[in-house]
PDB file of N, CA and C in Angstrom:
ATOM      1  N   MET A   1     123.141  54.378  68.412  1.00  0.00           N
ATOM      2  CA  MET A   1     121.764  54.419  68.846  1.00  0.00           C
ATOM      3  C   MET A   1     121.433  53.113  69.559  1.00  0.00           C
ATOM      4  N   ARG A   2     120.791  53.212  70.694  1.00  0.00           N
ATOM      5  CA  ARG A   2     120.369  52.042  71.452  1.00  0.00           C
ATOM      6  C   ARG A   2     119.063  51.500  70.893  1.00  0.00           C
ATOM      7  N   LYS A   3     118.902  50.187  70.958  1.00  0.00           N
ATOM      8  CA  LYS A   3     117.623  49.623  70.556  1.00  0.00           C
ATOM      9  C   LYS A   3     116.654  49.750  71.725  1.00  0.00           C
ATOM     10  N   LEU A   4     115.380  49.574  71.437  1.00  0.00           N
ATOM     11  CA  LEU A   4     114.361  49.652  72.480  1.00  0.00           C
ATOM     12  C   LEU A   4     114.594  48.582  73.533  1.00  0.00           C
ATOM     13  N   LEU A   5     114.246  48.909  74.761  1.00  0.00           N
ATOM     14  CA  LEU A   5     114.272  47.890  75.815  1.00  0.00           C
ATOM     15  C   LEU A   5     113.196  46.869  75.517  1.00  0.00           C
ATOM     16  N   GLU A   6     113.515  45.602  75.709  1.00  0.00           N
ATOM     17  CA  GLU A   6     112.499  44.586  75.486  1.00  0.00           C
ATOM     18  C   GLU A   6     111.957  44.017  76.797  1.00  0.00           C
ATOM     19  N   TYR A   7     112.685  44.232  77.890  1.00  0.00           N
ATOM     20  CA  TYR A   7     112.242  43.774  79.199  1.00  0.00           C
ATOM     21  C   TYR A   7     112.450  44.887  80.221  1.00  0.00           C
ATOM     22  N   CYS A   8     111.607  44.934  81.218  1.00  0.00           N
ATOM     23  CA  CYS A   8     111.684  45.944  82.264  1.00  0.00           C
ATOM     24  C   CYS A   8     113.003  45.789  83.029  1.00  0.00           C
ATOM     25  N   PRO A   9     113.772  46.871  83.174  1.00  0.00           N
ATOM     26  CA  PRO A   9     115.035  46.762  83.904  1.00  0.00           C
ATOM     27  C   PRO A   9     114.826  46.536  85.400  1.00  0.00           C
ATOM     28  N   SER A  10     113.622  46.759  85.885  1.00  0.00           N
ATOM     29  CA  SER A  10     113.345  46.578  87.305  1.00  0.00           C
ATOM     30  C   SER A  10     112.886  45.161  87.637  1.00  0.00           C
ATOM     31  N   CYS A  11     111.868  44.664  86.914  1.00  0.00           N
ATOM     32  CA  CYS A  11     111.290  43.368  87.276  1.00  0.00           C
ATOM     33  C   CYS A  11     111.489  42.287  86.223  1.00  0.00           C
ATOM     34  N   GLY A  12     111.954  42.653  85.018  1.00  0.00           N
ATOM     35  CA  GLY A  12     112.149  41.673  83.950  1.00  0.00           C
ATOM     36  C   GLY A  12     110.903  41.407  83.132  1.00  0.00           C
ATOM     37  N   GLY A  13     109.798  42.130  83.433  1.00  0.00           N
ATOM     38  CA  GLY A  13     108.565  41.962  82.677  1.00  0.00           C
ATOM     39  C   GLY A  13     108.697  42.492  81.258  1.00  0.00           C
ATOM     40  N   GLU A  14     107.748  42.106  80.426  1.00  0.00           N
ATOM     41  CA  GLU A  14     107.758  42.521  79.029  1.00  0.00           C
ATOM     42  C   GLU A  14     107.418  44.009  78.917  1.00  0.00           C
ATOM     43  N   ILE A  15     108.163  44.725  78.089  1.00  0.00           N
ATOM     44  CA  ILE A  15     107.970  46.159  77.882  1.00  0.00           C
ATOM     45  C   ILE A  15     106.999  46.373  76.724  1.00  0.00           C
ATOM     46  N   GLU A  16     106.149  47.376  76.858  1.00  0.00           N
ATOM     47  CA  GLU A  16     105.246  47.786  75.783  1.00  0.00           C
ATOM     48  C   GLU A  16     105.483  49.262  75.527  1.00  0.00           C
ATOM     49  N   VAL A  17     105.712  49.617  74.278  1.00  0.00           N
ATOM     50  CA  VAL A  17     105.902  51.012  73.903  1.00  0.00           C
ATOM     51  C   VAL A  17     104.524  51.666  73.859  1.00  0.00           C
ATOM     52  N   SER A  18     104.397  52.831  74.497  1.00  0.00           N
ATOM     53  CA  SER A  18     103.077  53.476  74.536  1.00  0.00           C
ATOM     54  C   SER A  18     103.054  54.840  73.860  1.00  0.00           C
ATOM     55  N   GLY A  19     104.193  55.313  73.371  1.00  0.00           N
ATOM     56  CA  GLY A  19     104.187  56.596  72.701  1.00  0.00           C
ATOM     57  C   GLY A  19     105.381  56.774  71.781  1.00  0.00           C
ATOM     58  N   LEU A  20     105.177  57.532  70.717  1.00  0.00           N
ATOM     59  CA  LEU A  20     106.220  57.861  69.755  1.00  0.00           C
ATOM     60  C   LEU A  20     106.147  59.354  69.481  1.00  0.00           C
ATOM     61  N   HIS A  21     107.302  59.961  69.181  1.00  0.00           N
ATOM     62  CA  HIS A  21     107.351  61.394  68.927  1.00  0.00           C
ATOM     63  C   HIS A  21     108.216  61.667  67.707  1.00  0.00           C
ATOM     64  N   CYS A  22     107.725  62.529  66.792  1.00  0.00           N
ATOM     65  CA  CYS A  22     108.491  62.930  65.616  1.00  0.00           C
ATOM     66  C   CYS A  22     109.274  64.195  65.961  1.00  0.00           C
ATOM     67  N   ASN A  23     110.583  64.133  65.886  1.00  0.00           N
ATOM     68  CA  ASN A  23     111.425  65.302  66.177  1.00  0.00           C
ATOM     69  C   ASN A  23     111.320  66.372  65.095  1.00  0.00           C
ATOM     70  N   SER A  24     110.899  65.972  63.892  1.00  0.00           N
ATOM     71  CA  SER A  24     110.817  66.912  62.782  1.00  0.00           C
ATOM     72  C   SER A  24     109.589  67.818  62.877  1.00  0.00           C
ATOM     73  N   CYS A  25     108.410  67.227  63.080  1.00  0.00           N
ATOM     74  CA  CYS A  25     107.183  68.036  63.066  1.00  0.00           C
ATOM     75  C   CYS A  25     106.486  68.118  64.422  1.00  0.00           C
ATOM     76  N   GLY A  26     106.985  67.358  65.400  1.00  0.00           N
ATOM     77  CA  GLY A  26     106.407  67.413  66.732  1.00  0.00           C
ATOM     78  C   GLY A  26     105.188  66.541  66.950  1.00  0.00           C
ATOM     79  N   THR A  27     104.829  65.724  65.968  1.00  0.00           N
ATOM     80  CA  THR A  27     103.674  64.844  66.120  1.00  0.00           C
ATOM     81  C   THR A  27     103.940  63.794  67.191  1.00  0.00           C
ATOM     82  N   ASP A  28     102.945  63.594  68.053  1.00  0.00           N
ATOM     83  CA  ASP A  28     103.002  62.533  69.054  1.00  0.00           C
ATOM     84  C   ASP A  28     101.981  61.461  68.687  1.00  0.00           C
ATOM     85  N   VAL A  29     102.373  60.212  68.803  1.00  0.00           N
ATOM     86  CA  VAL A  29     101.498  59.083  68.551  1.00  0.00           C
ATOM     87  C   VAL A  29     101.463  58.256  69.832  1.00  0.00           C
ATOM     88  N   ASN A  30     100.272  58.055  70.373  1.00  0.00           N
ATOM     89  CA  ASN A  30     100.126  57.269  71.594  1.00  0.00           C
ATOM     90  C   ASN A  30      99.276  56.045  71.312  1.00  0.00           C
ATOM     91  N   GLY A  31      99.607  54.959  71.945  1.00  0.00           N
ATOM     92  CA  GLY A  31      98.879  53.707  71.776  1.00  0.00           C
ATOM     93  C   GLY A  31      99.638  52.597  72.458  1.00  0.00           C
ATOM     94  N   HIS A  32      99.418  51.373  72.029  1.00  0.00           N
ATOM     95  CA  HIS A  32     100.102  50.217  72.575  1.00  0.00           C
ATOM     96  C   HIS A  32     100.815  49.510  71.431  1.00  0.00           C
ATOM     97  N   PHE A  33     102.145  49.529  71.472  1.00  0.00           N
ATOM     98  CA  PHE A  33     102.952  48.972  70.397  1.00  0.00           C
ATOM     99  C   PHE A  33     103.931  47.964  70.977  1.00  0.00           C
ATOM    100  N   ALA A  34     103.969  46.775  70.400  1.00  0.00           N
ATOM    101  CA  ALA A  34     104.927  45.756  70.824  1.00  0.00           C
ATOM    102  C   ALA A  34     106.204  45.914  70.003  1.00  0.00           C
ATOM    103  N   PRO A  35     107.370  45.691  70.620  1.00  0.00           N
ATOM    104  CA  PRO A  35     108.614  45.727  69.844  1.00  0.00           C
ATOM    105  C   PRO A  35     108.604  44.619  68.794  1.00  0.00           C
ATOM    106  N   CYS A  36     109.328  44.824  67.709  1.00  0.00           N
ATOM    107  CA  CYS A  36     109.407  43.801  66.670  1.00  0.00           C
ATOM    108  C   CYS A  36     110.141  42.574  67.214  1.00  0.00           C
ATOM    109  N   GLN A  37     109.984  41.458  66.536  1.00  0.00           N
ATOM    110  CA  GLN A  37     110.638  40.226  66.977  1.00  0.00           C
ATOM    111  C   GLN A  37     112.155  40.381  67.037  1.00  0.00           C
ATOM    112  N   PHE A  38     112.735  41.090  66.085  1.00  0.00           N
ATOM    113  CA  PHE A  38     114.176  41.237  66.048  1.00  0.00           C
ATOM    114  C   PHE A  38     114.679  42.117  67.191  1.00  0.00           C
ATOM    115  N   CYS A  39     113.839  43.041  67.665  1.00  0.00           N
ATOM    116  CA  CYS A  39     114.213  43.890  68.793  1.00  0.00           C
ATOM    117  C   CYS A  39     114.362  43.070  70.071  1.00  0.00           C
ATOM    118  N   ARG A  40     113.746  41.915  70.120  1.00  0.00           N
ATOM    119  CA  ARG A  40     113.799  41.062  71.307  1.00  0.00           C
ATOM    120  C   ARG A  40     115.066  40.210  71.372  1.00  0.00           C
ATOM    121  N   LEU A  41     115.840  40.190  70.297  1.00  0.00           N
ATOM    122  CA  LEU A  41     117.080  39.420  70.302  1.00  0.00           C
ATOM    123  C   LEU A  41     118.109  40.089  71.201  1.00  0.00           C
ATOM    124  N   THR A  42     118.929  39.275  71.845  1.00  0.00           N
ATOM    125  CA  THR A  42     120.018  39.808  72.655  1.00  0.00           C
ATOM    126  C   THR A  42     121.089  40.380  71.711  1.00  0.00           C
ATOM    127  N   PRO A  43     121.985  41.217  72.206  1.00  0.00           N
ATOM    128  CA  PRO A  43     123.065  41.716  71.343  1.00  0.00           C
ATOM    129  C   PRO A  43     123.878  40.581  70.713  1.00  0.00           C
ATOM    130  N   ASP A  44     124.147  39.513  71.475  1.00  0.00           N
ATOM    131  CA  ASP A  44     124.879  38.370  70.921  1.00  0.00           C
ATOM    132  C   ASP A  44     124.097  37.699  69.801  1.00  0.00           C
ATOM    133  N   GLN A  45     122.798  37.562  69.989  1.00  0.00           N
ATOM    134  CA  GLN A  45     121.963  36.940  68.957  1.00  0.00           C
ATOM    135  C   GLN A  45     121.909  37.807  67.706  1.00  0.00           C
ATOM    136  N   SER A  46     121.824  39.119  67.879  1.00  0.00           N
ATOM    137  CA  SER A  46     121.804  40.039  66.733  1.00  0.00           C
ATOM    138  C   SER A  46     123.106  39.963  65.956  1.00  0.00           C
ATOM    139  N   THR A  47     124.222  39.917  66.665  1.00  0.00           N
ATOM    140  CA  THR A  47     125.529  39.813  66.015  1.00  0.00           C
ATOM    141  C   THR A  47     125.639  38.500  65.254  1.00  0.00           C
ATOM    142  N   PHE A  48     125.205  37.407  65.891  1.00  0.00           N
ATOM    143  CA  PHE A  48     125.232  36.107  65.232  1.00  0.00           C
ATOM    144  C   PHE A  48     124.390  36.130  63.965  1.00  0.00           C
ATOM    145  N   LEU A  49     123.188  36.698  64.046  1.00  0.00           N
ATOM    146  CA  LEU A  49     122.293  36.751  62.892  1.00  0.00           C
ATOM    147  C   LEU A  49     122.914  37.567  61.757  1.00  0.00           C
ATOM    148  N   LEU A  50     123.552  38.674  62.092  1.00  0.00           N
ATOM    149  CA  LEU A  50     124.232  39.481  61.077  1.00  0.00           C
ATOM    150  C   LEU A  50     125.341  38.665  60.405  1.00  0.00           C
ATOM    151  N   MET A  51     126.141  37.959  61.206  1.00  0.00           N
ATOM    152  CA  MET A  51     127.211  37.135  60.648  1.00  0.00           C
ATOM    153  C   MET A  51     126.639  36.000  59.795  1.00  0.00           C
ATOM    154  N   PHE A  52     125.506  35.450  60.216  1.00  0.00           N
ATOM    155  CA  PHE A  52     124.844  34.385  59.462  1.00  0.00           C
ATOM    156  C   PHE A  52     124.449  34.896  58.075  1.00  0.00           C
ATOM    157  N   VAL A  53     123.857  36.065  58.036  1.00  0.00           N
ATOM    158  CA  VAL A  53     123.439  36.651  56.756  1.00  0.00           C
ATOM    159  C   VAL A  53     124.667  36.974  55.901  1.00  0.00           C
ATOM    160  N   GLN A  54     125.712  37.542  56.518  1.00  0.00           N
ATOM    161  CA  GLN A  54     126.920  37.889  55.773  1.00  0.00           C
ATOM    162  C   GLN A  54     127.607  36.656  55.191  1.00  0.00           C
ATOM    163  N   SER A  55     127.456  35.508  55.869  1.00  0.00           N
ATOM    164  CA  SER A  55     128.043  34.266  55.353  1.00  0.00           C
ATOM    165  C   SER A  55     127.081  33.541  54.416  1.00  0.00           C
ATOM    166  N   ARG A  56     125.958  34.217  54.087  1.00  0.00           N
ATOM    167  CA  ARG A  56     124.928  33.679  53.186  1.00  0.00           C
ATOM    168  C   ARG A  56     124.362  32.346  53.696  1.00  0.00           C
ATOM    169  N   GLY A  57     124.299  32.214  55.012  1.00  0.00           N
ATOM    170  CA  GLY A  57     123.714  31.020  55.609  1.00  0.00           C
ATOM    171  C   GLY A  57     124.621  29.804  55.626  1.00  0.00           C
ATOM    172  N   ASN A  58     125.874  29.988  55.300  1.00  0.00           N
ATOM    173  CA  ASN A  58     126.826  28.878  55.285  1.00  0.00           C
ATOM    174  C   ASN A  58     127.311  28.625  56.715  1.00  0.00           C
ATOM    175  N   LEU A  59     126.777  27.566  57.338  1.00  0.00           N
ATOM    176  CA  LEU A  59     127.110  27.288  58.738  1.00  0.00           C
ATOM    177  C   LEU A  59     128.566  26.880  58.919  1.00  0.00           C
ATOM    178  N   THR A  60     129.142  26.211  57.929  1.00  0.00           N
ATOM    179  CA  THR A  60     130.546  25.819  58.018  1.00  0.00           C
ATOM    180  C   THR A  60     131.441  27.059  58.029  1.00  0.00           C
ATOM    181  N   GLU A  61     131.118  28.028  57.179  1.00  0.00           N
ATOM    182  CA  GLU A  61     131.885  29.279  57.158  1.00  0.00           C
ATOM    183  C   GLU A  61     131.714  30.025  58.486  1.00  0.00           C
ATOM    184  N   LEU A  62     130.511  30.049  58.992  1.00  0.00           N
ATOM    185  CA  LEU A  62     130.229  30.703  60.264  1.00  0.00           C
ATOM    186  C   LEU A  62     130.990  30.026  61.400  1.00  0.00           C
ATOM    187  N   GLU A  63     131.039  28.719  61.362  1.00  0.00           N
ATOM    188  CA  GLU A  63     131.787  27.938  62.352  1.00  0.00           C
ATOM    189  C   GLU A  63     133.257  28.372  62.366  1.00  0.00           C
ATOM    190  N   LYS A  64     133.849  28.525  61.191  1.00  0.00           N
ATOM    191  CA  LYS A  64     135.252  28.945  61.091  1.00  0.00           C
ATOM    192  C   LYS A  64     135.434  30.378  61.580  1.00  0.00           C
ATOM    193  N   ASN A  65     134.525  31.271  61.189  1.00  0.00           N
ATOM    194  CA  ASN A  65     134.629  32.677  61.593  1.00  0.00           C
ATOM    195  C   ASN A  65     134.499  32.859  63.102  1.00  0.00           C
ATOM    196  N   LEU A  66     133.645  32.058  63.732  1.00  0.00           N
ATOM    197  CA  LEU A  66     133.421  32.180  65.170  1.00  0.00           C
ATOM    198  C   LEU A  66     134.412  31.352  65.989  1.00  0.00           C
ATOM    199  N   GLY A  67     135.056  30.383  65.342  1.00  0.00           N
ATOM    200  CA  GLY A  67     135.999  29.530  66.057  1.00  0.00           C
ATOM    201  C   GLY A  67     135.320  28.582  67.034  1.00  0.00           C
ATOM    202  N   VAL A  68     134.126  28.126  66.666  1.00  0.00           N
ATOM    203  CA  VAL A  68     133.376  27.191  67.513  1.00  0.00           C
ATOM    204  C   VAL A  68     132.983  25.976  66.672  1.00  0.00           C
ATOM    205  N   SER A  69     132.470  24.960  67.340  1.00  0.00           N
ATOM    206  CA  SER A  69     132.089  23.736  66.642  1.00  0.00           C
ATOM    207  C   SER A  69     130.782  23.927  65.876  1.00  0.00           C
ATOM    208  N   TYR A  70     130.579  23.043  64.904  1.00  0.00           N
ATOM    209  CA  TYR A  70     129.344  23.076  64.119  1.00  0.00           C
ATOM    210  C   TYR A  70     128.108  22.906  65.004  1.00  0.00           C
ATOM    211  N   PRO A  71     128.106  21.961  65.977  1.00  0.00           N
ATOM    212  CA  PRO A  71     126.928  21.842  66.848  1.00  0.00           C
ATOM    213  C   PRO A  71     126.633  23.119  67.641  1.00  0.00           C
ATOM    214  N   THR A  72     127.674  23.850  68.012  1.00  0.00           N
ATOM    215  CA  THR A  72     127.466  25.108  68.729  1.00  0.00           C
ATOM    216  C   THR A  72     126.809  26.139  67.818  1.00  0.00           C
ATOM    217  N   VAL A  73     127.261  26.220  66.565  1.00  0.00           N
ATOM    218  CA  VAL A  73     126.659  27.142  65.597  1.00  0.00           C
ATOM    219  C   VAL A  73     125.200  26.748  65.366  1.00  0.00           C
ATOM    220  N   ARG A  74     124.955  25.473  65.195  1.00  0.00           N
ATOM    221  CA  ARG A  74     123.593  24.984  64.954  1.00  0.00           C
ATOM    222  C   ARG A  74     122.686  25.281  66.155  1.00  0.00           C
ATOM    223  N   ALA A  75     123.219  25.088  67.360  1.00  0.00           N
ATOM    224  CA  ALA A  75     122.441  25.359  68.576  1.00  0.00           C
ATOM    225  C   ALA A  75     122.100  26.842  68.682  1.00  0.00           C
ATOM    226  N   LYS A  76     123.050  27.695  68.343  1.00  0.00           N
ATOM    227  CA  LYS A  76     122.810  29.140  68.397  1.00  0.00           C
ATOM    228  C   LYS A  76     121.747  29.534  67.370  1.00  0.00           C
ATOM    229  N   LEU A  77     121.809  28.954  66.194  1.00  0.00           N
ATOM    230  CA  LEU A  77     120.807  29.237  65.170  1.00  0.00           C
ATOM    231  C   LEU A  77     119.427  28.750  65.617  1.00  0.00           C
ATOM    232  N   ASP A  78     119.366  27.553  66.192  1.00  0.00           N
ATOM    233  CA  ASP A  78     118.097  27.028  66.704  1.00  0.00           C
ATOM    234  C   ASP A  78     117.537  27.931  67.802  1.00  0.00           C
ATOM    235  N   GLU A  79     118.419  28.451  68.634  1.00  0.00           N
ATOM    236  CA  GLU A  79     118.010  29.376  69.701  1.00  0.00           C
ATOM    237  C   GLU A  79     117.343  30.616  69.106  1.00  0.00           C
ATOM    238  N   ILE A  80     117.949  31.181  68.075  1.00  0.00           N
ATOM    239  CA  ILE A  80     117.402  32.388  67.445  1.00  0.00           C
ATOM    240  C   ILE A  80     116.084  32.070  66.747  1.00  0.00           C
ATOM    241  N   ILE A  81     116.011  30.929  66.081  1.00  0.00           N
ATOM    242  CA  ILE A  81     114.765  30.521  65.434  1.00  0.00           C
ATOM    243  C   ILE A  81     113.661  30.415  66.480  1.00  0.00           C
ATOM    244  N   GLY A  82     113.969  29.813  67.609  1.00  0.00           N
ATOM    245  CA  GLY A  82     112.985  29.708  68.688  1.00  0.00           C
ATOM    246  C   GLY A  82     112.600  31.065  69.242  1.00  0.00           C
ATOM    247  N   GLN A  83     113.584  31.951  69.398  1.00  0.00           N
ATOM    248  CA  GLN A  83     113.327  33.296  69.919  1.00  0.00           C
ATOM    249  C   GLN A  83     112.420  34.086  68.974  1.00  0.00           C
ATOM    250  N   LEU A  84     112.568  33.860  67.686  1.00  0.00           N
ATOM    251  CA  LEU A  84     111.755  34.563  66.696  1.00  0.00           C
ATOM    252  C   LEU A  84     110.405  33.883  66.466  1.00  0.00           C
ATOM    253  N   GLY A  85     110.150  32.798  67.200  1.00  0.00           N
ATOM    254  CA  GLY A  85     108.859  32.126  67.101  1.00  0.00           C
ATOM    255  C   GLY A  85     108.758  31.186  65.925  1.00  0.00           C
ATOM    256  N   GLY A  86     109.882  30.778  65.380  1.00  0.00           N
ATOM    257  CA  GLY A  86     109.868  29.928  64.203  1.00  0.00           C
ATOM    258  C   GLY A  86     109.630  28.470  64.475  1.00  0.00           C
ATOM    259  N   ASP A  87     109.667  28.051  65.732  1.00  0.00           N
ATOM    260  CA  ASP A  87     109.477  26.644  66.052  1.00  0.00           C
ATOM    261  C   ASP A  87     108.625  26.537  67.307  1.00  0.00           C
ATOM    262  N   ARG A  88     107.339  26.780  67.164  1.00  0.00           N
ATOM    263  CA  ARG A  88     106.404  26.784  68.297  1.00  0.00           C
ATOM    264  C   ARG A  88     106.323  25.433  68.999  1.00  0.00           C
ATOM    265  N   ALA A  89     106.640  24.361  68.302  1.00  0.00           N
ATOM    266  CA  ALA A  89     106.503  23.029  68.893  1.00  0.00           C
ATOM    267  C   ALA A  89     107.544  22.777  69.974  1.00  0.00           C
ATOM    268  N   ARG A  90     108.572  23.608  70.044  1.00  0.00           N
ATOM    269  CA  ARG A  90     109.651  23.361  70.991  1.00  0.00           C
ATOM    270  C   ARG A  90     109.564  24.251  72.223  1.00  0.00           C
ATOM    271  N   THR A  91     108.380  24.694  72.595  1.00  0.00           N
ATOM    272  CA  THR A  91     108.258  25.602  73.725  1.00  0.00           C
ATOM    273  C   THR A  91     107.596  24.954  74.935  1.00  0.00           C
ATOM    274  N   GLY A  92     107.653  23.635  75.032  1.00  0.00           N
ATOM    275  CA  GLY A  92     107.079  22.950  76.186  1.00  0.00           C
ATOM    276  C   GLY A  92     108.104  22.708  77.272  1.00  0.00           C
ATOM    277  N   ARG A  93     107.758  21.858  78.240  1.00  0.00           N
ATOM    278  CA  ARG A  93     108.648  21.587  79.365  1.00  0.00           C
ATOM    279  C   ARG A  93     109.938  20.930  78.910  1.00  0.00           C
ATOM    280  N   GLY A  94     109.883  20.077  77.895  1.00  0.00           N
ATOM    281  CA  GLY A  94     111.097  19.442  77.395  1.00  0.00           C
ATOM    282  C   GLY A  94     112.089  20.459  76.866  1.00  0.00           C
ATOM    283  N   ASP A  95     111.588  21.548  76.280  1.00  0.00           N
ATOM    284  CA  ASP A  95     112.476  22.574  75.758  1.00  0.00           C
ATOM    285  C   ASP A  95     113.182  23.292  76.902  1.00  0.00           C
ATOM    286  N   ARG A  96     112.501  23.503  78.018  1.00  0.00           N
ATOM    287  CA  ARG A  96     113.125  24.131  79.188  1.00  0.00           C
ATOM    288  C   ARG A  96     114.305  23.274  79.655  1.00  0.00           C
ATOM    289  N   ARG A  97     114.089  21.977  79.745  1.00  0.00           N
ATOM    290  CA  ARG A  97     115.158  21.074  80.169  1.00  0.00           C
ATOM    291  C   ARG A  97     116.308  21.118  79.164  1.00  0.00           C
ATOM    292  N   GLY A  98     115.956  21.119  77.865  1.00  0.00           N
ATOM    293  CA  GLY A  98     116.982  21.184  76.832  1.00  0.00           C
ATOM    294  C   GLY A  98     117.809  22.455  76.925  1.00  0.00           C
ATOM    295  N   LEU A  99     117.164  23.577  77.216  1.00  0.00           N
ATOM    296  CA  LEU A  99     117.892  24.835  77.378  1.00  0.00           C
ATOM    297  C   LEU A  99     118.874  24.746  78.538  1.00  0.00           C
ATOM    298  N   LEU A 100     118.406  24.206  79.656  1.00  0.00           N
ATOM    299  CA  LEU A 100     119.276  24.077  80.825  1.00  0.00           C
ATOM    300  C   LEU A 100     120.456  23.152  80.544  1.00  0.00           C
ATOM    301  N   GLU A 101     120.202  22.099  79.784  1.00  0.00           N
ATOM    302  CA  GLU A 101     121.285  21.190  79.409  1.00  0.00           C
ATOM    303  C   GLU A 101     122.294  21.889  78.505  1.00  0.00           C
ATOM    304  N   ARG A 102     121.806  22.728  77.594  1.00  0.00           N
ATOM    305  CA  ARG A 102     122.712  23.463  76.698  1.00  0.00           C
ATOM    306  C   ARG A 102     123.538  24.483  77.469  1.00  0.00           C
ATOM    307  N   VAL A 103     122.958  25.113  78.489  1.00  0.00           N
ATOM    308  CA  VAL A 103     123.719  26.040  79.334  1.00  0.00           C
ATOM    309  C   VAL A 103     124.789  25.263  80.094  1.00  0.00           C
ATOM    310  N   ALA A 104     124.410  24.122  80.664  1.00  0.00           N
ATOM    311  CA  ALA A 104     125.353  23.296  81.422  1.00  0.00           C
ATOM    312  C   ALA A 104     126.498  22.801  80.541  1.00  0.00           C
ATOM    313  N   ALA A 105     126.196  22.522  79.268  1.00  0.00           N
ATOM    314  CA  ALA A 105     127.220  22.032  78.342  1.00  0.00           C
ATOM    315  C   ALA A 105     128.077  23.159  77.772  1.00  0.00           C
ATOM    316  N   GLY A 106     127.723  24.413  78.078  1.00  0.00           N
ATOM    317  CA  GLY A 106     128.480  25.543  77.558  1.00  0.00           C
ATOM    318  C   GLY A 106     128.091  25.960  76.156  1.00  0.00           C
ATOM    319  N   GLU A 107     127.011  25.390  75.610  1.00  0.00           N
ATOM    320  CA  GLU A 107     126.561  25.757  74.266  1.00  0.00           C
ATOM    321  C   GLU A 107     125.847  27.101  74.263  1.00  0.00           C
ATOM    322  N   LEU A 108     125.258  27.464  75.398  1.00  0.00           N
ATOM    323  CA  LEU A 108     124.565  28.746  75.564  1.00  0.00           C
ATOM    324  C   LEU A 108     125.127  29.441  76.788  1.00  0.00           C
ATOM    325  N   SER A 109     125.197  30.757  76.718  1.00  0.00           N
ATOM    326  CA  SER A 109     125.600  31.506  77.910  1.00  0.00           C
ATOM    327  C   SER A 109     124.442  31.488  78.904  1.00  0.00           C
ATOM    328  N   PRO A 110     124.729  31.628  80.196  1.00  0.00           N
ATOM    329  CA  PRO A 110     123.634  31.690  81.174  1.00  0.00           C
ATOM    330  C   PRO A 110     122.645  32.813  80.871  1.00  0.00           C
ATOM    331  N   ASN A 111     123.134  33.971  80.413  1.00  0.00           N
ATOM    332  CA  ASN A 111     122.239  35.086  80.092  1.00  0.00           C
ATOM    333  C   ASN A 111     121.319  34.746  78.925  1.00  0.00           C
ATOM    334  N   ASP A 112     121.862  34.123  77.883  1.00  0.00           N
ATOM    335  CA  ASP A 112     121.027  33.730  76.743  1.00  0.00           C
ATOM    336  C   ASP A 112     120.005  32.677  77.160  1.00  0.00           C
ATOM    337  N   GLY A 113     120.436  31.722  77.991  1.00  0.00           N
ATOM    338  CA  GLY A 113     119.519  30.703  78.477  1.00  0.00           C
ATOM    339  C   GLY A 113     118.380  31.304  79.277  1.00  0.00           C
ATOM    340  N   LEU A 114     118.714  32.271  80.152  1.00  0.00           N
ATOM    341  CA  LEU A 114     117.689  32.939  80.957  1.00  0.00           C
ATOM    342  C   LEU A 114     116.722  33.704  80.062  1.00  0.00           C
ATOM    343  N   SER A 115     117.258  34.385  79.059  1.00  0.00           N
ATOM    344  CA  SER A 115     116.415  35.127  78.120  1.00  0.00           C
ATOM    345  C   SER A 115     115.447  34.185  77.397  1.00  0.00           C
ATOM    346  N   MET A 116     115.949  33.037  76.979  1.00  0.00           N
ATOM    347  CA  MET A 116     115.107  32.080  76.270  1.00  0.00           C
ATOM    348  C   MET A 116     114.061  31.464  77.207  1.00  0.00           C
ATOM    349  N   LEU A 117     114.427  31.196  78.461  1.00  0.00           N
ATOM    350  CA  LEU A 117     113.450  30.682  79.421  1.00  0.00           C
ATOM    351  C   LEU A 117     112.334  31.689  79.655  1.00  0.00           C
ATOM    352  N   ARG A 118     112.702  32.963  79.748  1.00  0.00           N
ATOM    353  CA  ARG A 118     111.689  34.005  79.919  1.00  0.00           C
ATOM    354  C   ARG A 118     110.762  34.061  78.715  1.00  0.00           C
ATOM    355  N   GLN A 119     111.328  33.897  77.525  1.00  0.00           N
ATOM    356  CA  GLN A 119     110.520  33.909  76.302  1.00  0.00           C
ATOM    357  C   GLN A 119     109.540  32.740  76.301  1.00  0.00           C
ATOM    358  N   ILE A 120     110.014  31.562  76.709  1.00  0.00           N
ATOM    359  CA  ILE A 120     109.132  30.395  76.773  1.00  0.00           C
ATOM    360  C   ILE A 120     108.002  30.657  77.761  1.00  0.00           C
ATOM    361  N   ASP A 121     108.329  31.231  78.925  1.00  0.00           N
ATOM    362  CA  ASP A 121     107.301  31.536  79.917  1.00  0.00           C
ATOM    363  C   ASP A 121     106.282  32.552  79.390  1.00  0.00           C
ATOM    364  N   THR A 122     106.771  33.559  78.670  1.00  0.00           N
ATOM    365  CA  THR A 122     105.894  34.575  78.093  1.00  0.00           C
ATOM    366  C   THR A 122     104.945  33.945  77.080  1.00  0.00           C
ATOM    367  N   GLU A 123     105.465  33.084  76.214  1.00  0.00           N
ATOM    368  CA  GLU A 123     104.639  32.438  75.201  1.00  0.00           C
ATOM    369  C   GLU A 123     103.628  31.486  75.845  1.00  0.00           C
ATOM    370  N   ALA A 124     104.022  30.832  76.940  1.00  0.00           N
ATOM    371  CA  ALA A 124     103.134  29.898  77.613  1.00  0.00           C
ATOM    372  C   ALA A 124     101.956  30.627  78.261  1.00  0.00           C
ATOM    373  N   GLN A 125     102.147  31.897  78.626  1.00  0.00           N
ATOM    374  CA  GLN A 125     101.099  32.687  79.269  1.00  0.00           C
ATOM    375  C   GLN A 125     100.076  33.191  78.254  1.00  0.00           C
ATOM    376  N   ARG A 126     100.403  33.178  76.965  1.00  0.00           N
ATOM    377  CA  ARG A 126      99.501  33.703  75.933  1.00  0.00           C
ATOM    378  C   ARG A 126      98.398  32.750  75.628  1.00  0.00           C
TER     379      ARG A 126
END
């Protein structure tokens, strides 16, 4: 099963769910529904979060399982925390520069960096 789209495949804008349908009884529900915070995670972020939970939050174990350095694991966790809105103080211009530096250093993939930049822009517009 595919998860809900979180961004428009045409323009990259934020998607809003406007209807739900029950296959069992045929009930339709219409309105304006935002996807959950976890639905906004990229597939890589979701996989990382699952592995984090399976390792009971042990970053050293996660580091070994992923075959990456501890700072890379920590950076990925910080990225997810920011994506989930857990660190609102880090969404200013300095955070944009930090994201670009992490992409340049290879700590973040370009796609993840772009996703996080879009999230920062979305939050800044609110």
